[in-house]
């Protein structure tokens, strides 16, 4: 539809003193449709100030917060909307989506933490990449005596080093491939 015409109409109604909660809700929805999320939130706030029991105003404000990346505020609005109207499909769907995304993110963070928990205990000599590096630098430069002396030097250095995190391991892997 013609959102600008609708916004002008809502502004005229509000100017004439007819700005009830539904008018602000509808104007906020129009701002939302135009991706003016901050203006939409302001109108939803005005609507809720006039009638705090509007389930749809909470759901739409939560939707606008979600679009702005304010996930916790969005979840709180969806929960409030559902407490007022347990059948609000918009709030139910979006709250479930947020909770699912949070669960996936938490699982990924835990998995990453588990990987990094033990990676620092891996001596560099166990990586294979370092062994290849040592072999290449020791075997192909000089004779057996040189090889043995160089190998011992590299080997003792590598035994004293450990990998600090998974990124360092990945860099090491790329370096020796």
C-alpha atoms as a PDB file:
ATOM      1  CA  UNK A   1       0.000   0.000   0.000  1.00  0.00           C
ATOM      2  CA  UNK A   2       0.817   3.648   0.084  1.00  0.00           C
ATOM      3  CA  UNK A   3       2.570   3.915   3.425  1.00  0.00           C
ATOM      4  CA  UNK A   4       3.281   7.636   3.181  1.00  0.00           C
ATOM      5  CA  UNK A   5      -0.409   8.374   2.668  1.00  0.00           C
ATOM      6  CA  UNK A   6      -1.271   6.154   5.642  1.00  0.00           C
ATOM      7  CA  UNK A   7       1.295   7.912   7.828  1.00  0.00           C
ATOM      8  CA  UNK A   8      -0.127  11.295   6.821  1.00  0.00           C
ATOM      9  CA  UNK A   9      -3.620  10.074   7.728  1.00  0.00           C
ATOM     10  CA  UNK A  10      -2.468   8.805  11.134  1.00  0.00           C
ATOM     11  CA  UNK A  11      -0.662  12.095  11.792  1.00  0.00           C
ATOM     12  CA  UNK A  12      -3.864  14.017  10.964  1.00  0.00           C
ATOM     13  CA  UNK A  13      -5.947  11.814  13.298  1.00  0.00           C
ATOM     14  CA  UNK A  14      -3.414  12.282  16.122  1.00  0.00           C
ATOM     15  CA  UNK A  15      -3.307  16.043  15.456  1.00  0.00           C
ATOM     16  CA  UNK A  16      -7.092  16.240  15.766  1.00  0.00           C
ATOM     17  CA  UNK A  17      -6.911  14.509  19.145  1.00  0.00           C
ATOM     18  CA  UNK A  18      -8.002  11.040  18.086  1.00  0.00           C
ATOM     19  CA  UNK A  19      -4.702   9.404  18.947  1.00  0.00           C
ATOM     20  CA  UNK A  20      -5.804   6.357  20.883  1.00  0.00           C
ATOM     21  CA  UNK A  21      -3.754   3.193  21.408  1.00  0.00           C
ATOM     22  CA  UNK A  22      -4.972   1.583  18.143  1.00  0.00           C
ATOM     23  CA  UNK A  23      -3.940   4.596  16.046  1.00  0.00           C
ATOM     24  CA  UNK A  24      -0.413   4.529  17.478  1.00  0.00           C
ATOM     25  CA  UNK A  25      -0.283   0.742  17.006  1.00  0.00           C
ATOM     26  CA  UNK A  26      -1.308   1.087  13.364  1.00  0.00           C
ATOM     27  CA  UNK A  27       1.110   3.966  12.739  1.00  0.00           C
ATOM     28  CA  UNK A  28       3.888   1.943  14.370  1.00  0.00           C
ATOM     29  CA  UNK A  29       3.026  -1.005  12.141  1.00  0.00           C
ATOM     30  CA  UNK A  30       3.230   1.289   9.117  1.00  0.00           C
ATOM     31  CA  UNK A  31       6.648   2.565  10.234  1.00  0.00           C
ATOM     32  CA  UNK A  32       7.701  -1.060  10.708  1.00  0.00           C
ATOM     33  CA  UNK A  33       6.569  -1.898   7.168  1.00  0.00           C
ATOM     34  CA  UNK A  34       8.760   0.960   5.906  1.00  0.00           C
ATOM     35  CA  UNK A  35      11.710  -0.393   7.962  1.00  0.00           C
ATOM     36  CA  UNK A  36      11.693   2.679  10.217  1.00  0.00           C
ATOM     37  CA  UNK A  37      12.178   0.538  13.303  1.00  0.00           C
ATOM     38  CA  UNK A  38      13.087   3.317  15.752  1.00  0.00           C
ATOM     39  CA  UNK A  39       9.956   5.292  14.821  1.00  0.00           C
ATOM     40  CA  UNK A  40       7.908   2.110  15.043  1.00  0.00           C
ATOM     41  CA  UNK A  41       9.206   1.428  18.567  1.00  0.00           C
ATOM     42  CA  UNK A  42       8.360   4.993  19.600  1.00  0.00           C
ATOM     43  CA  UNK A  43       4.780   4.552  18.371  1.00  0.00           C
ATOM     44  CA  UNK A  44       4.451   1.136  20.026  1.00  0.00           C
ATOM     45  CA  UNK A  45       5.688   2.722  23.268  1.00  0.00           C
ATOM     46  CA  UNK A  46       2.994   5.426  22.987  1.00  0.00           C
ATOM     47  CA  UNK A  47       0.383   2.789  22.236  1.00  0.00           C
ATOM     48  CA  UNK A  48       1.410   0.738  25.268  1.00  0.00           C
ATOM     49  CA  UNK A  49       1.448   3.860  27.456  1.00  0.00           C
ATOM     50  CA  UNK A  50      -2.210   4.343  26.554  1.00  0.00           C
ATOM     51  CA  UNK A  51      -3.155   0.646  26.882  1.00  0.00           C
ATOM     52  CA  UNK A  52      -0.518  -1.654  28.402  1.00  0.00           C
ATOM     53  CA  UNK A  53      -2.599  -4.802  27.795  1.00  0.00           C
ATOM     54  CA  UNK A  54      -2.253  -4.851  24.012  1.00  0.00           C
ATOM     55  CA  UNK A  55      -0.668  -8.147  23.122  1.00  0.00           C
ATOM     56  CA  UNK A  56      -0.078  -7.162  19.500  1.00  0.00           C
ATOM     57  CA  UNK A  57       1.728  -3.923  20.441  1.00  0.00           C
ATOM     58  CA  UNK A  58       4.175  -5.927  22.574  1.00  0.00           C
ATOM     59  CA  UNK A  59       4.645  -8.463  19.764  1.00  0.00           C
ATOM     60  CA  UNK A  60       5.230  -5.775  17.122  1.00  0.00           C
ATOM     61  CA  UNK A  61       7.636  -3.861  19.377  1.00  0.00           C
ATOM     62  CA  UNK A  62       9.482  -7.129  19.964  1.00  0.00           C
ATOM     63  CA  UNK A  63       9.635  -7.624  16.216  1.00  0.00           C
ATOM     64  CA  UNK A  64      11.119  -4.129  15.768  1.00  0.00           C
ATOM     65  CA  UNK A  65      13.659  -4.740  18.548  1.00  0.00           C
ATOM     66  CA  UNK A  66      14.635  -7.989  16.850  1.00  0.00           C
ATOM     67  CA  UNK A  67      15.199  -6.187  13.547  1.00  0.00           C
ATOM     68  CA  UNK A  68      17.495  -3.745  15.382  1.00  0.00           C
ATOM     69  CA  UNK A  69      19.439  -6.647  16.907  1.00  0.00           C
ATOM     70  CA  UNK A  70      18.172  -6.049  20.459  1.00  0.00           C
ATOM     71  CA  UNK A  71      17.357  -9.701  21.024  1.00  0.00           C
ATOM     72  CA  UNK A  72      16.868  -9.680  24.806  1.00  0.00           C
ATOM     73  CA  UNK A  73      14.424  -6.774  24.613  1.00  0.00           C
ATOM     74  CA  UNK A  74      12.608  -8.536  21.785  1.00  0.00           C
ATOM     75  CA  UNK A  75      12.334 -11.759  23.804  1.00  0.00           C
ATOM     76  CA  UNK A  76      10.983  -9.837  26.811  1.00  0.00           C
ATOM     77  CA  UNK A  77       8.301  -8.206  24.644  1.00  0.00           C
ATOM     78  CA  UNK A  78       7.330 -11.534  23.077  1.00  0.00           C
ATOM     79  CA  UNK A  79       7.027 -13.096  26.536  1.00  0.00           C
ATOM     80  CA  UNK A  80       4.868 -10.181  27.747  1.00  0.00           C
ATOM     81  CA  UNK A  81       2.696 -10.517  24.626  1.00  0.00           C
ATOM     82  CA  UNK A  82       2.222 -14.231  25.286  1.00  0.00           C
ATOM     83  CA  UNK A  83       1.363 -13.574  28.925  1.00  0.00           C
ATOM     84  CA  UNK A  84      -1.444 -11.295  27.715  1.00  0.00           C
ATOM     85  CA  UNK A  85      -2.571 -13.548  24.863  1.00  0.00           C
ATOM     86  CA  UNK A  86      -1.182 -17.075  24.786  1.00  0.00           C
ATOM     87  CA  UNK A  87      -2.472 -17.536  21.231  1.00  0.00           C
ATOM     88  CA  UNK A  88      -0.452 -14.697  19.656  1.00  0.00           C
ATOM     89  CA  UNK A  89       1.147 -16.541  16.740  1.00  0.00           C
ATOM     90  CA  UNK A  90       3.632 -13.769  15.893  1.00  0.00           C
ATOM     91  CA  UNK A  91       5.022 -13.700  19.432  1.00  0.00           C
ATOM     92  CA  UNK A  92       5.041 -17.512  19.713  1.00  0.00           C
ATOM     93  CA  UNK A  93       6.880 -18.021  16.423  1.00  0.00           C
ATOM     94  CA  UNK A  94       9.459 -15.295  16.972  1.00  0.00           C
ATOM     95  CA  UNK A  95      10.150 -16.209  20.595  1.00  0.00           C
ATOM     96  CA  UNK A  96      10.687 -19.845  19.580  1.00  0.00           C
ATOM     97  CA  UNK A  97      13.057 -18.715  16.816  1.00  0.00           C
ATOM     98  CA  UNK A  98      15.050 -16.570  19.276  1.00  0.00           C
ATOM     99  CA  UNK A  99      15.261 -19.375  21.840  1.00  0.00           C
ATOM    100  CA  UNK A 100      16.336 -21.874  19.161  1.00  0.00           C
ATOM    101  CA  UNK A 101      19.051 -19.496  17.902  1.00  0.00           C
ATOM    102  CA  UNK A 102      20.256 -18.922  21.455  1.00  0.00           C
ATOM    103  CA  UNK A 103      20.399 -22.684  22.071  1.00  0.00           C
ATOM    104  CA  UNK A 104      22.389 -23.241  18.868  1.00  0.00           C
ATOM    105  CA  UNK A 105      24.785 -20.413  19.752  1.00  0.00           C
ATOM    106  CA  UNK A 106      25.246 -21.777  23.279  1.00  0.00           C
ATOM    107  CA  UNK A 107      25.943 -25.266  21.925  1.00  0.00           C
ATOM    108  CA  UNK A 108      28.469 -23.900  19.417  1.00  0.00           C
ATOM    109  CA  UNK A 109      30.192 -21.870  22.141  1.00  0.00           C
ATOM    110  CA  UNK A 110      30.359 -24.933  24.403  1.00  0.00           C
ATOM    111  CA  UNK A 111      31.778 -27.048  21.568  1.00  0.00           C
ATOM    112  CA  UNK A 112      34.411 -24.395  20.807  1.00  0.00           C
ATOM    113  CA  UNK A 113      35.259 -24.186  24.511  1.00  0.00           C
ATOM    114  CA  UNK A 114      35.672 -27.968  24.666  1.00  0.00           C
ATOM    115  CA  UNK A 115      37.995 -27.909  21.656  1.00  0.00           C
ATOM    116  CA  UNK A 116      40.089 -25.130  23.121  1.00  0.00           C
ATOM    117  CA  UNK A 117      40.161 -26.649  26.602  1.00  0.00           C
ATOM    118  CA  UNK A 118      42.593 -29.363  25.582  1.00  0.00           C
ATOM    119  CA  UNK A 119      44.317 -27.881  22.546  1.00  0.00           C
ATOM    120  CA  UNK A 120      46.914 -26.048  24.653  1.00  0.00           C
ATOM    121  CA  UNK A 121      48.105 -29.379  26.045  1.00  0.00           C
ATOM    122  CA  UNK A 122      49.155 -30.697  22.640  1.00  0.00           C
ATOM    123  CA  UNK A 123      52.923 -30.415  22.289  1.00  0.00           C
ATOM    124  CA  UNK A 124      53.969 -29.141  18.903  1.00  0.00           C
ATOM    125  CA  UNK A 125      55.869 -32.349  18.238  1.00  0.00           C
ATOM    126  CA  UNK A 126      52.568 -34.216  18.141  1.00  0.00           C
ATOM    127  CA  UNK A 127      51.072 -32.192  15.349  1.00  0.00           C
ATOM    128  CA  UNK A 128      52.705 -33.892  12.414  1.00  0.00           C
ATOM    129  CA  UNK A 129      53.108 -30.522  10.740  1.00  0.00           C
ATOM    130  CA  UNK A 130      56.044 -29.724  12.976  1.00  0.00           C
ATOM    131  CA  UNK A 131      57.555 -33.170  12.470  1.00  0.00           C
ATOM    132  CA  UNK A 132      57.339 -32.577   8.725  1.00  0.00           C
ATOM    133  CA  UNK A 133      58.972 -29.169   9.154  1.00  0.00           C
ATOM    134  CA  UNK A 134      61.800 -30.678  11.211  1.00  0.00           C
ATOM    135  CA  UNK A 135      62.321 -33.505   8.724  1.00  0.00           C
ATOM    136  CA  UNK A 136      62.389 -31.098   5.819  1.00  0.00           C
ATOM    137  CA  UNK A 137      64.796 -28.678   7.482  1.00  0.00           C
ATOM    138  CA  UNK A 138      67.054 -31.326   8.954  1.00  0.00           C
ATOM    139  CA  UNK A 139      67.193 -34.128   6.395  1.00  0.00           C
ATOM    140  CA  UNK A 140      67.662 -32.066   3.297  1.00  0.00           C
ATOM    141  CA  UNK A 141      70.304 -29.678   4.609  1.00  0.00           C
ATOM    142  CA  UNK A 142      73.741 -31.113   5.276  1.00  0.00           C
ATOM    143  CA  UNK A 143      74.730 -34.638   6.161  1.00  0.00           C
ATOM    144  CA  UNK A 144      73.813 -37.005   8.965  1.00  0.00           C
ATOM    145  CA  UNK A 145      75.784 -35.131  11.668  1.00  0.00           C
ATOM    146  CA  UNK A 146      74.215 -31.853  10.694  1.00  0.00           C
ATOM    147  CA  UNK A 147      70.827 -33.531  10.585  1.00  0.00           C
ATOM    148  CA  UNK A 148      71.176 -35.003  14.078  1.00  0.00           C
ATOM    149  CA  UNK A 149      72.382 -31.708  15.635  1.00  0.00           C
ATOM    150  CA  UNK A 150      69.682 -29.647  13.925  1.00  0.00           C
ATOM    151  CA  UNK A 151      66.996 -32.190  14.741  1.00  0.00           C
ATOM    152  CA  UNK A 152      67.921 -32.208  18.414  1.00  0.00           C
ATOM    153  CA  UNK A 153      67.803 -28.408  18.535  1.00  0.00           C
ATOM    154  CA  UNK A 154      64.382 -28.217  16.833  1.00  0.00           C
ATOM    155  CA  UNK A 155      63.051 -31.113  18.848  1.00  0.00           C
ATOM    156  CA  UNK A 156      63.998 -29.599  22.214  1.00  0.00           C
ATOM    157  CA  UNK A 157      62.479 -26.260  21.180  1.00  0.00           C
ATOM    158  CA  UNK A 158      59.233 -27.886  20.109  1.00  0.00           C
ATOM    159  CA  UNK A 159      58.924 -29.913  23.293  1.00  0.00           C
ATOM    160  CA  UNK A 160      58.954 -26.677  25.284  1.00  0.00           C
ATOM    161  CA  UNK A 161      56.242 -25.029  23.153  1.00  0.00           C
ATOM    162  CA  UNK A 162      52.515 -25.663  23.245  1.00  0.00           C
ATOM    163  CA  UNK A 163      49.630 -24.419  21.172  1.00  0.00           C
ATOM    164  CA  UNK A 164      47.733 -21.607  22.892  1.00  0.00           C
ATOM    165  CA  UNK A 165      44.411 -21.832  21.054  1.00  0.00           C
ATOM    166  CA  UNK A 166      42.625 -23.329  18.075  1.00  0.00           C
ATOM    167  CA  UNK A 167      43.460 -20.364  15.828  1.00  0.00           C
ATOM    168  CA  UNK A 168      47.166 -20.838  16.430  1.00  0.00           C
ATOM    169  CA  UNK A 169      46.790 -24.514  15.560  1.00  0.00           C
ATOM    170  CA  UNK A 170      45.003 -23.611  12.313  1.00  0.00           C
ATOM    171  CA  UNK A 171      47.728 -21.103  11.425  1.00  0.00           C
ATOM    172  CA  UNK A 172      50.373 -23.715  12.120  1.00  0.00           C
ATOM    173  CA  UNK A 173      48.517 -26.218   9.981  1.00  0.00           C
ATOM    174  CA  UNK A 174      48.335 -23.770   7.058  1.00  0.00           C
ATOM    175  CA  UNK A 175      51.993 -22.824   7.432  1.00  0.00           C
ATOM    176  CA  UNK A 176      53.276 -26.377   7.127  1.00  0.00           C
ATOM    177  CA  UNK A 177      51.009 -27.724   4.443  1.00  0.00           C
END
